[in-house]
Amino acid sequence: MRQISTCLWFNTQGEEAANFYVSLIPNSRIVKVSPYVVETPSPNRVGSVMTVDFELNGQPYQALNGGPEFTFNEAISIVLACDSQEESDQLWHALGDGGEFGPCGWLKDRFGLSWQIYPAEFDDLVQDPDPERAKAAMTTMLTQSRIDLAEIRAAMQAVAQ
């Protein structure tokens, strides 16, 4: 079996989306752009971009320009656990620009794709050995849109006193 990857269905903006994503996420690249070579049920014409194979931090994806028949919803999202609050904030703002910010680190980018973006340290905070501190971390996160570790840590510290 070859490598498993995720296919993301776009109307016509798959190449634009892939270029946008690889410009923001380290260790990312466009692997291959393939045109339509025959007419299909898609409204996209011969010669236009059919698929874009790309990698985000080494993870393979494919963007398919399949036409307007299907759109994204929150049932699928890309999760980015970032190395720092600064990296999380930068990606949160860049990916959300022109899109829609949601609760708990979720956003939809300008193409309608859902993302979960947060500092990876959050995983440790909600697994704190003290159940009250872990509860404070999770409860605070549930009130946030962009995940803010300083606010979460402060809530955990307040429980410890």
Foldseek 3Di string as FASTA:
>chain_A
DDDDAEEAEAQQCQVVVQVLQQVQAPPKDWDDWDFACPDDPRPDDGPGTAKIWMDHNNGIYIYGNRRDPDADDPVDAAEDADQDLVSLVVCLCSQQVCWAFDALQWTAGNRRGIYRTAHNCLVVQLVPPPPVLNVLLVVVSRVGRRDDVVVSVVSSVVVVD
